């Protein structure tokens, strides 16, 4: 029996990884994008982010041309589950409703969801990139728990980012499990409720009586 009424996961670098090289650039670009994407001018939307990124690095570039080139090579369907993700999703589904909350917009993330078959594996997906506020704001988490018809206090959120996933879950009153990339990484100043070094550890976390709390990961 699980101690949680529902479980939700972040998507990128939590459930899946990317099989192309543009994702590292997108992750650097993402914080510089302003609000939800313009469905009628995605190149212009990305171009504004590239202009800010170029300014930060003192580079002289054509941001619109760069954005157009980026769009031409980005294939969001080239993703694969991280080790242990399938078992983690199955364990979560056995415990209750399962959700996915990603900070990306639907027009970028849906290809990943479809490639992974997540639509058949989870009960709700929230694309925070299309909302007025993204993680770590509470609003996306509140939308997810409403979609799952569960209380946030009884929901566990699993993600790889301390500043977005762990902080956001706590802002919304959820419990958090941090999937850290390096066993030597420390969580300070954040305080995840649990620390995972692999999704293969997740079924044990859900088991009644398991003590996988953060401990020295704080």
Protein backbone atom coordinates (compact mmCIF):
# COMPACT_ATOMS: atom_id res chain seq x y z
CA UNK A 1 0.00 0.00 0.00
CA UNK A 2 1.30 3.44 -0.94
CA UNK A 3 1.50 6.35 1.45
CA UNK A 4 0.39 8.68 -1.39
CA UNK A 5 -2.99 9.14 -3.08
CA UNK A 6 -1.35 10.10 -6.39
CA UNK A 7 2.05 10.47 -8.02
CA UNK A 8 3.17 12.94 -10.68
CA UNK A 9 6.36 13.25 -12.66
CA UNK A 10 8.33 15.90 -14.45
CA UNK A 11 9.06 14.92 -18.07
CA UNK A 12 12.48 16.04 -19.36
CA UNK A 13 15.46 14.41 -17.63
CA UNK A 14 13.09 12.75 -15.19
CA UNK A 15 11.06 10.29 -17.25
CA UNK A 16 12.90 10.71 -20.54
CA UNK A 17 16.07 11.84 -22.22
CA UNK A 18 16.62 13.38 -25.64
CA UNK A 19 18.42 11.72 -28.49
CA UNK A 20 19.45 14.93 -30.26
CA UNK A 21 21.93 17.69 -29.54
CA UNK A 22 19.68 20.75 -29.58
CA UNK A 23 18.18 20.13 -26.15
CA UNK A 24 21.14 21.58 -24.23
CA UNK A 25 20.71 24.79 -26.19
CA UNK A 26 16.97 24.83 -25.56
CA UNK A 27 17.50 24.45 -21.83
CA UNK A 28 19.75 27.50 -21.86
CA UNK A 29 17.21 29.34 -24.00
CA UNK A 30 14.10 28.36 -22.04
CA UNK A 31 14.47 30.77 -19.06
CA UNK A 32 14.82 33.66 -21.51
CA UNK A 33 11.56 33.01 -23.35
CA UNK A 34 8.82 35.45 -22.47
CA UNK A 35 5.47 33.89 -21.67
CA UNK A 36 3.61 31.25 -23.68
CA UNK A 37 4.69 30.74 -27.30
CA UNK A 38 2.91 32.60 -30.09
CA UNK A 39 1.22 29.85 -32.15
CA UNK A 40 1.35 32.09 -35.24
CA UNK A 41 5.01 33.09 -34.91
CA UNK A 42 7.06 30.43 -33.16
CA UNK A 43 10.24 31.50 -34.97
CA UNK A 44 9.78 35.07 -33.77
CA UNK A 45 9.05 33.82 -30.25
CA UNK A 46 12.25 31.75 -30.19
CA UNK A 47 14.15 34.53 -31.93
CA UNK A 48 13.42 36.92 -29.07
CA UNK A 49 14.93 34.38 -26.70
CA UNK A 50 17.99 33.96 -28.90
CA UNK A 51 18.40 37.75 -28.98
CA UNK A 52 18.46 37.85 -25.16
CA UNK A 53 20.84 34.88 -25.04
CA UNK A 54 23.20 36.52 -27.55
CA UNK A 55 23.17 39.75 -25.55
CA UNK A 56 24.09 37.90 -22.37
CA UNK A 57 27.12 36.38 -24.13
CA UNK A 58 28.07 39.51 -26.07
CA UNK A 59 27.48 37.86 -29.44
CA UNK A 60 26.27 39.51 -32.65
CA UNK A 61 23.83 37.10 -34.33
CA UNK A 62 20.70 37.12 -36.49
CA UNK A 63 18.24 35.77 -33.89
CA UNK A 64 15.45 35.10 -36.39
CA UNK A 65 17.73 33.13 -38.70
CA UNK A 66 19.09 31.22 -35.69
CA UNK A 67 15.57 30.42 -34.50
CA UNK A 68 14.56 29.21 -37.96
CA UNK A 69 17.62 26.94 -38.12
CA UNK A 70 16.87 25.64 -34.64
CA UNK A 71 13.30 24.77 -35.64
CA UNK A 72 14.51 22.94 -38.72
CA UNK A 73 16.69 20.49 -36.77
CA UNK A 74 14.71 20.07 -33.55
CA UNK A 75 12.86 16.76 -33.52
CA UNK A 76 11.03 16.42 -30.23
CA UNK A 77 9.94 12.87 -31.00
CA UNK A 78 13.50 11.57 -30.61
CA UNK A 79 13.23 10.68 -26.93
CA UNK A 80 13.67 7.55 -24.83
CA UNK A 81 12.64 6.59 -21.32
CA UNK A 82 15.31 6.88 -18.66
CA UNK A 83 16.30 3.60 -16.97
CA UNK A 84 13.63 2.55 -14.50
CA UNK A 85 10.97 4.90 -15.88
CA UNK A 86 8.66 2.10 -17.02
CA UNK A 87 8.73 0.38 -13.64
CA UNK A 88 8.29 3.73 -11.86
CA UNK A 89 5.20 4.54 -13.91
CA UNK A 90 3.77 1.08 -13.31
CA UNK A 91 4.36 1.34 -9.56
CA UNK A 92 2.74 4.76 -9.49
CA UNK A 93 -0.27 3.50 -11.45
CA UNK A 94 -0.71 0.62 -9.00
CA UNK A 95 -0.86 3.16 -6.17
CA UNK A 96 -3.36 5.61 -7.67
CA UNK A 97 -3.77 8.29 -10.34
CA UNK A 98 -0.62 9.32 -12.21
CA UNK A 99 0.14 12.69 -13.74
CA UNK A 100 2.84 14.48 -15.70
CA UNK A 101 3.67 18.16 -15.22
CA UNK A 102 6.14 19.69 -17.64
CA UNK A 103 7.28 23.29 -17.91
CA UNK A 104 7.33 23.05 -21.70
CA UNK A 105 4.48 24.13 -23.98
CA UNK A 106 2.20 21.52 -25.49
CA UNK A 107 3.29 22.23 -29.06
CA UNK A 108 6.84 21.19 -28.09
CA UNK A 109 6.14 18.46 -25.55
CA UNK A 110 3.27 16.59 -27.20
CA UNK A 111 5.64 14.91 -29.67
CA UNK A 112 7.58 13.48 -26.71
CA UNK A 113 4.40 12.34 -24.98
CA UNK A 114 3.21 10.57 -28.12
CA UNK A 115 6.60 9.00 -28.86
CA UNK A 116 6.73 7.57 -25.33
CA UNK A 117 3.09 6.46 -25.31
CA UNK A 118 2.48 8.43 -22.14
CA UNK A 119 -1.11 9.19 -23.06
CA UNK A 120 -1.95 5.55 -22.29
CA UNK A 121 0.15 5.43 -19.12
CA UNK A 122 -0.95 8.50 -17.15
CA UNK A 123 -4.25 10.07 -16.17
CA UNK A 124 -3.47 13.76 -16.68
CA UNK A 125 -0.80 15.93 -18.32
CA UNK A 126 -0.30 19.63 -17.61
CA UNK A 127 1.79 21.75 -19.96
CA UNK A 128 2.84 24.67 -17.78
CA UNK A 129 4.49 26.42 -20.71
CA UNK A 130 1.00 27.34 -21.91
CA UNK A 131 -0.08 28.74 -18.53
CA UNK A 132 0.42 32.27 -17.20
CA UNK A 133 2.83 30.85 -14.60
CA UNK A 134 5.21 27.92 -14.83
CA UNK A 135 7.02 25.89 -12.20
CA UNK A 136 8.08 26.75 -9.52
CA UNK A 137 4.81 28.69 -9.15
CA UNK A 138 2.05 26.75 -7.44
CA UNK A 139 -0.53 27.19 -10.21
CA UNK A 140 0.65 24.34 -12.51
CA UNK A 141 0.75 21.92 -9.58
CA UNK A 142 -2.72 22.99 -8.49
CA UNK A 143 -4.02 22.40 -12.00
CA UNK A 144 -2.50 18.94 -11.98
CA UNK A 145 -3.94 17.87 -8.64
CA UNK A 146 -7.35 19.21 -9.73
CA UNK A 147 -7.12 17.16 -12.93
CA UNK A 148 -6.24 14.08 -10.86
CA UNK A 149 -9.00 14.87 -8.31
CA UNK A 150 -6.58 14.52 -5.40
CA UNK A 151 -5.38 16.62 -2.48
CA UNK A 152 -1.96 18.15 -3.03
CA UNK A 153 -0.88 17.17 0.46
CA UNK A 154 -1.37 13.51 -0.50
CA UNK A 155 0.49 13.79 -3.81
CA UNK A 156 4.15 13.03 -4.52
CA UNK A 157 5.93 14.92 -7.30
CA UNK A 158 9.11 13.49 -8.80
CA UNK A 159 11.55 15.73 -10.69
CA UNK A 160 15.21 16.38 -11.36
CA UNK A 161 15.28 20.13 -10.70
CA UNK A 162 15.61 21.48 -7.19
CA UNK A 163 14.68 25.04 -8.13
CA UNK A 164 11.68 24.13 -10.30
CA UNK A 165 10.41 20.70 -9.25
CA UNK A 166 11.23 20.52 -5.55
CA UNK A 167 10.59 24.21 -4.87
CA UNK A 168 7.40 24.21 -6.92
CA UNK A 169 6.02 21.09 -5.27
CA UNK A 170 6.59 22.56 -1.83
CA UNK A 171 5.04 25.88 -2.88
CA UNK A 172 1.89 23.97 -3.80
CA UNK A 173 1.86 21.75 -0.72
CA UNK A 174 2.95 18.53 -2.44
CA UNK A 175 5.63 16.13 -1.25
CA UNK A 176 8.72 16.00 -3.44
CA UNK A 177 11.21 13.39 -4.60
CA UNK A 178 14.39 14.74 -6.17
CA UNK A 179 15.98 12.64 -8.91
CA UNK A 180 19.59 13.78 -8.69
CA UNK A 181 22.01 13.29 -11.54
CA UNK A 182 25.08 12.83 -9.35
CA UNK A 183 25.16 10.99 -5.99
CA UNK A 184 27.53 13.66 -4.68
CA UNK A 185 25.10 16.52 -5.41
CA UNK A 186 23.70 18.23 -2.31
CA UNK A 187 20.16 19.57 -2.09
CA UNK A 188 20.94 22.63 0.06
CA UNK A 189 19.30 25.10 0.34
CA UNK A 190 16.32 23.04 -0.90
CA UNK A 191 14.80 20.28 1.18
CA UNK A 192 13.26 17.48 -0.88
CA UNK A 193 11.29 14.93 1.10
CA UNK A 194 13.05 12.10 -0.71
CA UNK A 195 16.17 11.71 -2.82
CA UNK A 196 16.48 9.20 -5.66
CA UNK A 197 19.66 8.36 -7.52
CA UNK A 198 17.69 6.36 -10.09
CA UNK A 199 14.05 5.78 -10.97
CA UNK A 200 14.72 2.12 -10.22
CA UNK A 201 14.58 3.14 -6.55
CA UNK A 202 11.09 4.60 -6.93
CA UNK A 203 8.95 1.45 -6.39
CA UNK A 204 10.64 0.96 -3.03
CA UNK A 205 9.89 4.55 -2.07
CA UNK A 206 6.19 3.89 -2.62
CA UNK A 207 6.19 0.73 -0.54
CA UNK A 208 4.68 1.09 2.90
CA UNK A 209 7.27 1.53 5.61
CA UNK A 210 10.08 2.51 3.26
CA UNK A 211 12.45 5.12 4.65
CA UNK A 212 14.03 6.83 1.64
CA UNK A 213 13.91 10.31 3.15
CA UNK A 214 16.40 12.95 2.11
CA UNK A 215 18.89 12.51 4.96
CA UNK A 216 22.36 13.52 3.83
CA UNK A 217 21.01 14.66 0.47
CA UNK A 218 19.86 17.88 2.07
